[in-house]
Amino acid sequence: MSENHLEGDGEKRMNYTVTLYLIGFAGTGKYTIAKEIAKHGYKIVDNHLINDPIFSLLNLDGATSIPGNAWNAIAEIRNAVLNFISQYPPSNYVFTNVLLEDEGDRAFYDSMLTKTDSRGAIFIPVKLHISSDEHEKRVRSPERKEKFKVTSRSADEIEIGLIHIDHPHLFELDVTHLSAEQAATEILNFIESIKK
């Protein structure tokens, strides 16, 4: 979203809706943090809300690669959700996702920017960082498998790295030693600083 959408007096800026995008590797706590943020009037669009209709049809074990045609179907669901939101009455949303520095994820990120801009919302991408040791501990949590979540760190994903974001509202947060509530508070405080 271009910065000029925030021009004008403070009262007008306070009325803008927010599209918050939590981006991080599997196991960084994106959904748990999103649930805390949702207590402040945000609707969650978790990546598993979009992925699970397809994941539930596969025999996933948390470690095996997901076939390409599954990702194609998931992309269609994502687009349907974004299109619906763009036509729906304004709300604050918090999206969660693993976005890597690759062509497909870049295209989806750009689509998010376009759809958010068309809604006149403030777009705030948040990259969540975590130490290797803490990441290893969290991603191996037994309950993740039951929710079709990744249960091992992907060397390929780590090598590719999270998507590079060049945006004036980018917020980067190390969640290694933060509870979900603490992380949510940091993010909400940043949002308020943008809206002022």
Protein backbone atom coordinates (compact mmCIF):
# COMPACT_ATOMS: atom_id res chain seq x y z
CA MET A 1 0.00 0.00 0.00
CA SER A 2 1.37 3.39 -0.90
CA GLU A 3 2.20 5.77 1.92
CA ASN A 4 -0.13 8.45 0.59
CA HIS A 5 -3.10 6.37 1.77
CA LEU A 6 -2.16 7.53 5.25
CA GLU A 7 -2.09 11.21 4.46
CA GLY A 8 -4.64 13.45 6.13
CA ASP A 9 -5.54 14.16 9.71
CA GLY A 10 -5.05 11.69 12.56
CA GLU A 11 -8.76 11.04 13.00
CA LYS A 12 -9.13 9.80 9.42
CA ARG A 13 -6.10 7.54 9.73
CA MET A 14 -7.56 5.94 12.86
CA ASN A 15 -10.55 4.80 10.80
CA TYR A 16 -8.53 2.74 8.34
CA THR A 17 -8.88 -1.01 8.56
CA VAL A 18 -5.75 -3.12 8.85
CA THR A 19 -4.56 -6.18 6.99
CA LEU A 20 -1.90 -7.71 9.18
CA TYR A 21 0.25 -10.45 7.69
CA LEU A 22 2.20 -12.70 10.08
CA ILE A 23 4.99 -14.42 8.14
CA GLY A 24 7.33 -16.99 9.62
CA PHE A 25 8.57 -20.55 9.39
CA ALA A 26 6.37 -23.37 10.63
CA GLY A 27 6.44 -23.50 14.42
CA THR A 28 7.15 -19.83 15.08
CA GLY A 29 3.73 -19.35 16.70
CA LYS A 30 1.91 -17.45 13.97
CA TYR A 31 -1.55 -18.87 14.72
CA THR A 32 -1.16 -18.63 18.49
CA ILE A 33 -0.15 -14.98 18.17
CA ALA A 34 -3.01 -14.37 15.72
CA LYS A 35 -5.49 -15.70 18.31
CA GLU A 36 -4.23 -13.11 20.79
CA ILE A 37 -4.53 -10.36 18.19
CA ALA A 38 -8.07 -11.54 17.35
CA LYS A 39 -9.10 -10.55 20.88
CA HIS A 40 -8.67 -6.96 19.67
CA GLY A 41 -11.15 -7.08 16.81
CA TYR A 42 -9.23 -8.91 14.09
CA LYS A 43 -10.57 -11.78 11.99
CA ILE A 44 -8.08 -14.60 11.54
CA VAL A 45 -7.35 -15.96 8.09
CA ASP A 46 -4.88 -18.66 9.11
CA ASN A 47 -2.97 -20.51 6.41
CA HIS A 48 -4.49 -23.77 7.69
CA LEU A 49 -7.99 -22.38 7.20
CA ILE A 50 -7.05 -22.24 3.53
CA ASN A 51 -4.78 -25.31 3.35
CA ASP A 52 -6.68 -27.88 5.40
CA PRO A 53 -9.56 -28.57 2.98
CA ILE A 54 -6.86 -30.01 0.69
CA PHE A 55 -4.47 -31.31 3.38
CA SER A 56 -7.28 -33.34 4.96
CA LEU A 57 -7.59 -35.30 1.69
CA LEU A 58 -3.93 -36.36 1.73
CA ASN A 59 -2.00 -38.80 3.90
CA LEU A 60 0.27 -36.24 5.50
CA ASP A 61 2.78 -37.22 8.16
CA GLY A 62 4.25 -33.79 8.86
CA ALA A 63 7.52 -34.58 7.09
CA THR A 64 6.67 -35.77 3.55
CA SER A 65 6.59 -33.17 0.79
CA ILE A 66 3.19 -31.95 -0.34
CA PRO A 67 2.47 -32.61 -4.04
CA GLY A 68 2.41 -29.69 -6.47
CA ASN A 69 -1.20 -30.20 -7.55
CA ALA A 70 -2.25 -29.76 -3.92
CA TRP A 71 -0.60 -26.34 -3.86
CA ASN A 72 -2.41 -25.42 -7.08
CA ALA A 73 -5.76 -26.24 -5.46
CA ILE A 74 -4.78 -24.29 -2.34
CA ALA A 75 -3.90 -21.27 -4.51
CA GLU A 76 -7.46 -21.32 -5.87
CA ILE A 77 -8.87 -21.33 -2.34
CA ARG A 78 -6.58 -18.43 -1.36
CA ASN A 79 -7.74 -16.40 -4.35
CA ALA A 80 -11.40 -17.10 -3.54
CA VAL A 81 -10.86 -15.92 0.05
CA LEU A 82 -9.05 -12.75 -1.05
CA ASN A 83 -11.72 -11.98 -3.64
CA PHE A 84 -14.48 -12.44 -1.07
CA ILE A 85 -12.75 -10.20 1.47
CA SER A 86 -12.30 -7.48 -1.14
CA GLN A 87 -16.09 -7.38 -1.60
CA TYR A 88 -17.02 -7.72 2.06
CA PRO A 89 -17.66 -4.84 4.48
CA PRO A 90 -14.40 -3.48 5.94
CA SER A 91 -12.82 -5.47 8.77
CA ASN A 92 -9.42 -5.88 10.35
CA TYR A 93 -7.77 -9.14 9.27
CA VAL A 94 -4.74 -11.08 10.46
CA PHE A 95 -3.33 -13.52 7.91
CA THR A 96 -0.71 -16.13 8.74
CA ASN A 97 1.62 -17.89 6.35
CA VAL A 98 5.04 -19.30 5.59
CA LEU A 99 6.25 -17.24 2.65
CA LEU A 100 9.61 -18.08 1.12
CA GLU A 101 11.74 -16.15 -1.33
CA ASP A 102 10.42 -17.99 -4.36
CA GLU A 103 8.28 -17.15 -7.37
CA GLY A 104 5.00 -18.64 -6.15
CA ASP A 105 5.13 -17.05 -2.70
CA ARG A 106 6.19 -13.72 -4.20
CA ALA A 107 3.16 -13.80 -6.51
CA PHE A 108 0.84 -14.48 -3.58
CA TYR A 109 2.39 -11.70 -1.50
CA ASP A 110 1.96 -9.26 -4.40
CA SER A 111 -1.66 -10.38 -4.73
CA MET A 112 -2.20 -9.65 -1.03
CA LEU A 113 -0.78 -6.15 -1.52
CA THR A 114 -3.06 -5.49 -4.49
CA LYS A 115 -6.20 -6.76 -2.75
CA THR A 116 -5.40 -4.81 0.43
CA ASP A 117 -4.80 -1.65 -1.57
CA SER A 118 -8.13 -2.07 -3.39
CA ARG A 119 -9.87 -2.25 0.01
CA GLY A 120 -8.13 0.92 1.19
CA ALA A 121 -6.72 -0.92 4.20
CA ILE A 122 -3.37 -0.40 5.88
CA PHE A 123 -1.08 -3.32 5.03
CA ILE A 124 1.36 -4.36 7.77
CA PRO A 125 3.65 -7.33 7.09
CA VAL A 126 5.24 -8.86 10.19
CA LYS A 127 8.18 -11.23 9.89
CA LEU A 128 8.56 -13.48 12.91
CA HIS A 129 12.07 -14.68 13.74
CA ILE A 130 13.12 -17.40 16.17
CA SER A 131 16.36 -19.04 17.30
CA SER A 132 17.24 -22.43 15.80
CA ASP A 133 17.03 -24.22 19.16
CA GLU A 134 13.63 -22.80 20.07
CA HIS A 135 12.35 -23.42 16.56
CA GLU A 136 13.42 -27.07 16.74
CA LYS A 137 11.64 -27.49 20.07
CA ARG A 138 8.38 -25.88 18.91
CA VAL A 139 8.12 -27.57 15.53
CA ARG A 140 8.42 -31.05 17.09
CA SER A 141 5.45 -30.48 19.41
CA PRO A 142 3.25 -33.64 19.14
CA GLU A 143 -0.06 -31.78 18.69
CA ARG A 144 1.20 -30.25 15.41
CA LYS A 145 0.81 -33.55 13.53
CA GLU A 146 -2.88 -33.79 14.49
CA LYS A 147 -3.45 -30.39 12.85
CA PHE A 148 -1.64 -31.28 9.59
CA LYS A 149 1.25 -29.06 10.61
CA VAL A 150 4.90 -29.57 9.75
CA THR A 151 6.76 -31.48 12.48
CA SER A 152 10.34 -31.06 11.32
CA ARG A 153 12.44 -28.14 10.20
CA SER A 154 12.88 -28.02 6.45
CA ALA A 155 16.50 -27.53 5.45
CA ASP A 156 15.36 -26.41 1.98
CA GLU A 157 13.03 -23.75 3.39
CA ILE A 158 15.67 -22.48 5.78
CA GLU A 159 18.20 -22.28 2.95
CA ILE A 160 15.76 -20.40 0.69
CA GLY A 161 14.79 -18.13 3.57
CA LEU A 162 11.70 -16.09 4.26
CA ILE A 163 10.48 -13.74 1.57
CA HIS A 164 12.34 -10.44 1.30
CA ILE A 165 9.97 -7.58 2.01
CA ASP A 166 10.61 -3.96 1.14
CA HIS A 167 7.62 -2.18 2.63
CA PRO A 168 7.41 0.99 4.76
CA HIS A 169 5.26 -0.81 7.36
CA LEU A 170 7.40 -3.93 7.73
CA PHE A 171 7.78 -5.02 11.36
CA GLU A 172 10.32 -7.70 12.29
CA LEU A 173 9.98 -9.40 15.65
CA ASP A 174 12.12 -12.02 17.37
CA VAL A 175 9.69 -14.27 19.24
CA THR A 176 12.30 -16.63 20.74
CA HIS A 177 11.70 -15.45 24.30
CA LEU A 178 8.21 -13.97 23.92
CA SER A 179 4.89 -15.49 24.87
CA ALA A 180 2.10 -15.22 22.29
CA GLU A 181 0.51 -12.50 24.40
CA GLN A 182 3.76 -10.51 24.58
CA ALA A 183 4.32 -10.85 20.83
CA ALA A 184 0.74 -9.74 20.12
CA THR A 185 1.22 -6.69 22.34
CA GLU A 186 4.40 -5.71 20.48
CA ILE A 187 2.60 -6.04 17.14
CA LEU A 188 -0.50 -4.14 18.27
CA ASN A 189 1.67 -1.33 19.62
CA PHE A 190 3.42 -1.13 16.24
CA ILE A 191 0.05 -0.96 14.46
CA GLU A 192 -1.02 1.92 16.67
CA SER A 193 2.23 3.76 15.89
CA ILE A 194 1.44 3.42 12.15
CA LYS A 195 -2.11 4.67 12.55
CA LYS A 196 -1.11 7.80 14.49
